[in-house]
């Protein structure tokens, strides 16, 4: 069981944090969002996983384009 938790911790630490960011935006727990993606992936035969990857890609591009600069000289 310890092996399972170490794998779970690795993916939570090094993941895309898509579920956490969606949960913060919606004001709900990240666990609910993760569970929803899992059920969506099983029900629609992979569409939920594809949607997850698309959102992860979109958030990554958004973070690269809209970075917070502390001053004018950071250009």
N, C-alpha and C. Protein backbone atom coordinates (compact mmCIF):
# COMPACT_ATOMS: atom_id res chain seq x y z
N UNK A 1 0.82 -1.19 0.00
CA UNK A 1 0.00 0.00 0.00
C UNK A 1 0.86 1.25 0.00
N UNK A 2 2.04 1.18 0.62
CA UNK A 2 2.94 2.32 0.66
C UNK A 2 3.42 2.67 -0.75
N UNK A 3 3.63 1.65 -1.60
CA UNK A 3 4.03 1.88 -2.98
C UNK A 3 2.97 2.66 -3.73
N UNK A 4 1.71 2.33 -3.49
CA UNK A 4 0.60 3.03 -4.14
C UNK A 4 0.60 4.51 -3.76
N UNK A 5 0.81 4.80 -2.48
CA UNK A 5 0.80 6.20 -2.03
C UNK A 5 2.01 6.97 -2.56
N UNK A 6 3.14 6.30 -2.74
CA UNK A 6 4.30 7.00 -3.30
C UNK A 6 4.06 7.36 -4.76
N UNK A 7 3.41 6.47 -5.51
CA UNK A 7 3.07 6.78 -6.90
C UNK A 7 2.03 7.90 -6.96
N UNK A 8 1.04 7.83 -6.10
CA UNK A 8 0.01 8.87 -6.04
C UNK A 8 0.62 10.22 -5.71
N UNK A 9 1.53 10.27 -4.75
CA UNK A 9 2.19 11.51 -4.37
C UNK A 9 3.03 12.06 -5.52
N UNK A 10 3.71 11.17 -6.25
CA UNK A 10 4.53 11.61 -7.39
C UNK A 10 3.67 12.30 -8.44
N UNK A 11 2.54 11.70 -8.79
CA UNK A 11 1.69 12.29 -9.82
C UNK A 11 1.02 13.58 -9.35
N UNK A 12 0.70 13.65 -8.08
CA UNK A 12 0.11 14.88 -7.56
C UNK A 12 1.13 16.01 -7.52
N UNK A 13 2.38 15.68 -7.22
CA UNK A 13 3.41 16.71 -7.12
C UNK A 13 3.89 17.18 -8.49
N UNK A 14 4.01 16.27 -9.43
CA UNK A 14 4.57 16.61 -10.73
C UNK A 14 3.53 16.67 -11.85
N UNK A 15 2.28 16.70 -11.52
CA UNK A 15 1.24 16.75 -12.53
C UNK A 15 1.04 18.14 -13.08
N UNK A 16 0.06 18.28 -13.93
CA UNK A 16 -0.22 19.56 -14.56
C UNK A 16 -1.02 20.49 -13.67
N UNK A 17 -1.54 20.01 -12.57
CA UNK A 17 -2.37 20.78 -11.64
C UNK A 17 -3.64 21.33 -12.29
N UNK A 18 -4.13 20.62 -13.28
CA UNK A 18 -5.34 21.06 -13.97
C UNK A 18 -6.53 20.99 -13.03
N UNK A 19 -6.66 19.89 -12.32
CA UNK A 19 -7.81 19.71 -11.44
C UNK A 19 -7.82 20.75 -10.32
N UNK A 20 -6.66 21.03 -9.76
CA UNK A 20 -6.59 22.01 -8.68
C UNK A 20 -6.97 23.40 -9.17
N UNK A 21 -6.51 23.77 -10.36
CA UNK A 21 -6.80 25.10 -10.87
C UNK A 21 -8.28 25.24 -11.26
N UNK A 22 -8.85 24.18 -11.81
CA UNK A 22 -10.29 24.21 -12.14
C UNK A 22 -11.10 24.29 -10.85
N UNK A 23 -10.69 23.53 -9.84
CA UNK A 23 -11.41 23.52 -8.56
C UNK A 23 -11.33 24.89 -7.89
N UNK A 24 -10.18 25.54 -7.95
CA UNK A 24 -10.08 26.89 -7.38
C UNK A 24 -10.99 27.86 -8.10
N UNK A 25 -11.07 27.74 -9.41
CA UNK A 25 -11.92 28.64 -10.19
C UNK A 25 -13.39 28.43 -9.88
N UNK A 26 -13.79 27.17 -9.70
CA UNK A 26 -15.19 26.85 -9.43
C UNK A 26 -15.55 26.92 -7.95
N UNK A 27 -14.55 26.93 -7.08
CA UNK A 27 -14.80 27.00 -5.65
C UNK A 27 -15.21 25.68 -5.04
N UNK A 28 -14.72 24.56 -5.59
CA UNK A 28 -15.02 23.24 -5.06
C UNK A 28 -13.71 22.53 -4.76
N UNK A 29 -13.80 21.32 -4.22
CA UNK A 29 -12.60 20.55 -3.90
C UNK A 29 -12.00 19.94 -5.17
N UNK A 30 -10.68 19.81 -5.17
CA UNK A 30 -9.98 19.22 -6.31
C UNK A 30 -10.31 17.74 -6.45
N UNK A 31 -10.63 17.10 -5.34
CA UNK A 31 -10.97 15.68 -5.38
C UNK A 31 -12.24 15.43 -6.21
N UNK A 32 -13.19 16.33 -6.11
CA UNK A 32 -14.43 16.19 -6.88
C UNK A 32 -14.14 16.33 -8.38
N UNK A 33 -13.27 17.26 -8.72
CA UNK A 33 -12.93 17.46 -10.13
C UNK A 33 -12.17 16.26 -10.67
N UNK A 34 -11.22 15.71 -9.90
CA UNK A 34 -10.48 14.53 -10.33
C UNK A 34 -11.42 13.34 -10.55
N UNK A 35 -12.33 13.14 -9.61
CA UNK A 35 -13.28 12.05 -9.73
C UNK A 35 -14.17 12.22 -10.96
N UNK A 36 -14.56 13.45 -11.24
CA UNK A 36 -15.38 13.71 -12.42
C UNK A 36 -14.63 13.39 -13.70
N UNK A 37 -13.34 13.74 -13.77
CA UNK A 37 -12.54 13.40 -14.95
C UNK A 37 -12.40 11.89 -15.11
N UNK A 38 -12.23 11.18 -14.00
CA UNK A 38 -12.11 9.73 -14.08
C UNK A 38 -13.39 9.09 -14.59
N UNK A 39 -14.53 9.50 -14.03
CA UNK A 39 -15.81 8.95 -14.49
C UNK A 39 -16.09 9.32 -15.94
N UNK A 40 -15.76 10.54 -16.32
CA UNK A 40 -15.96 10.97 -17.70
C UNK A 40 -15.10 10.15 -18.66
N UNK A 41 -13.89 9.82 -18.24
CA UNK A 41 -13.01 9.01 -19.09
C UNK A 41 -13.57 7.60 -19.28
N UNK A 42 -14.13 7.02 -18.23
CA UNK A 42 -14.69 5.67 -18.36
C UNK A 42 -15.99 5.67 -19.16
N UNK A 43 -16.82 6.65 -18.94
CA UNK A 43 -18.13 6.68 -19.60
C UNK A 43 -17.99 6.97 -21.09
N UNK A 44 -17.13 7.90 -21.44
CA UNK A 44 -17.04 8.32 -22.84
C UNK A 44 -15.86 7.69 -23.57
N UNK A 45 -15.26 6.67 -22.97
CA UNK A 45 -14.18 5.90 -23.59
C UNK A 45 -12.99 6.78 -23.98
N UNK A 46 -12.55 7.62 -23.08
CA UNK A 46 -11.33 8.38 -23.31
C UNK A 46 -11.53 9.86 -23.58
N UNK A 47 -12.76 10.31 -23.76
CA UNK A 47 -12.96 11.73 -24.03
C UNK A 47 -12.56 12.59 -22.84
N UNK A 48 -12.80 12.10 -21.63
CA UNK A 48 -12.42 12.86 -20.44
C UNK A 48 -10.92 13.03 -20.33
N UNK A 49 -10.16 12.00 -20.69
CA UNK A 49 -8.71 12.10 -20.67
C UNK A 49 -8.22 13.07 -21.75
N UNK A 50 -8.84 13.03 -22.92
CA UNK A 50 -8.47 13.97 -23.97
C UNK A 50 -8.81 15.40 -23.56
N UNK A 51 -9.94 15.58 -22.90
CA UNK A 51 -10.32 16.90 -22.41
C UNK A 51 -9.33 17.38 -21.36
N UNK A 52 -8.89 16.49 -20.48
CA UNK A 52 -7.90 16.82 -19.45
C UNK A 52 -6.60 17.29 -20.10
N UNK A 53 -6.12 16.57 -21.10
CA UNK A 53 -4.88 16.96 -21.77
C UNK A 53 -5.02 18.28 -22.50
N UNK A 54 -6.19 18.52 -23.11
CA UNK A 54 -6.42 19.79 -23.79
C UNK A 54 -6.40 20.95 -22.80
N UNK A 55 -7.05 20.78 -21.65
CA UNK A 55 -7.06 21.84 -20.64
C UNK A 55 -5.66 22.06 -20.08
N UNK A 56 -4.89 20.99 -19.89
CA UNK A 56 -3.52 21.13 -19.40
C UNK A 56 -2.67 21.91 -20.40
N UNK A 57 -2.82 21.60 -21.68
CA UNK A 57 -2.10 22.33 -22.72
C UNK A 57 -2.51 23.79 -22.75
N UNK A 58 -3.80 24.05 -22.66
CA UNK A 58 -4.31 25.42 -22.69
C UNK A 58 -3.81 26.24 -21.50
N UNK A 59 -3.82 25.66 -20.31
CA UNK A 59 -3.33 26.36 -19.13
C UNK A 59 -1.83 26.62 -19.23
N UNK A 60 -1.10 25.70 -19.81
CA UNK A 60 0.35 25.88 -19.98
C UNK A 60 0.64 27.05 -20.93
N UNK A 61 -0.09 27.13 -22.03
CA UNK A 61 0.09 28.22 -22.99
C UNK A 61 -0.32 29.55 -22.34
N UNK A 62 -1.42 29.55 -21.60
CA UNK A 62 -1.87 30.76 -20.93
C UNK A 62 -0.84 31.25 -19.92
N UNK A 63 -0.23 30.34 -19.19
CA UNK A 63 0.79 30.73 -18.22
C UNK A 63 2.03 31.30 -18.90
N UNK A 64 2.35 30.78 -20.06
CA UNK A 64 3.52 31.29 -20.78
C UNK A 64 3.27 32.68 -21.36
N UNK A 65 2.04 32.94 -21.78
CA UNK A 65 1.72 34.23 -22.39
C UNK A 65 1.46 35.32 -21.37
N UNK A 66 0.75 34.97 -20.31
CA UNK A 66 0.36 35.96 -19.30
C UNK A 66 1.16 35.76 -18.02
N UNK A 67 2.39 36.22 -18.01
CA UNK A 67 3.19 36.14 -16.80
C UNK A 67 3.11 37.47 -16.08
N UNK A 68 3.10 37.40 -14.78
CA UNK A 68 3.03 38.62 -13.97
C UNK A 68 4.42 39.22 -13.86
N UNK A 69 4.54 40.45 -14.27
CA UNK A 69 5.81 41.15 -14.18
C UNK A 69 5.74 42.11 -13.00
N UNK A 70 6.82 42.17 -12.24
CA UNK A 70 6.81 43.02 -11.05
C UNK A 70 7.09 44.48 -11.37
N UNK A 71 7.80 44.73 -12.46
CA UNK A 71 8.08 46.12 -12.81
C UNK A 71 8.19 46.28 -14.32
N UNK A 72 8.38 47.48 -14.76
CA UNK A 72 8.49 47.76 -16.19
C UNK A 72 9.80 47.23 -16.75
N UNK A 73 10.82 47.09 -15.93
CA UNK A 73 12.13 46.69 -16.38
C UNK A 73 12.28 45.18 -16.56
N UNK A 74 11.22 44.42 -16.31
CA UNK A 74 11.27 42.98 -16.46
C UNK A 74 10.98 42.52 -17.90
N UNK A 75 10.83 43.42 -18.81
CA UNK A 75 10.55 43.06 -20.20
C UNK A 75 11.74 42.37 -20.77
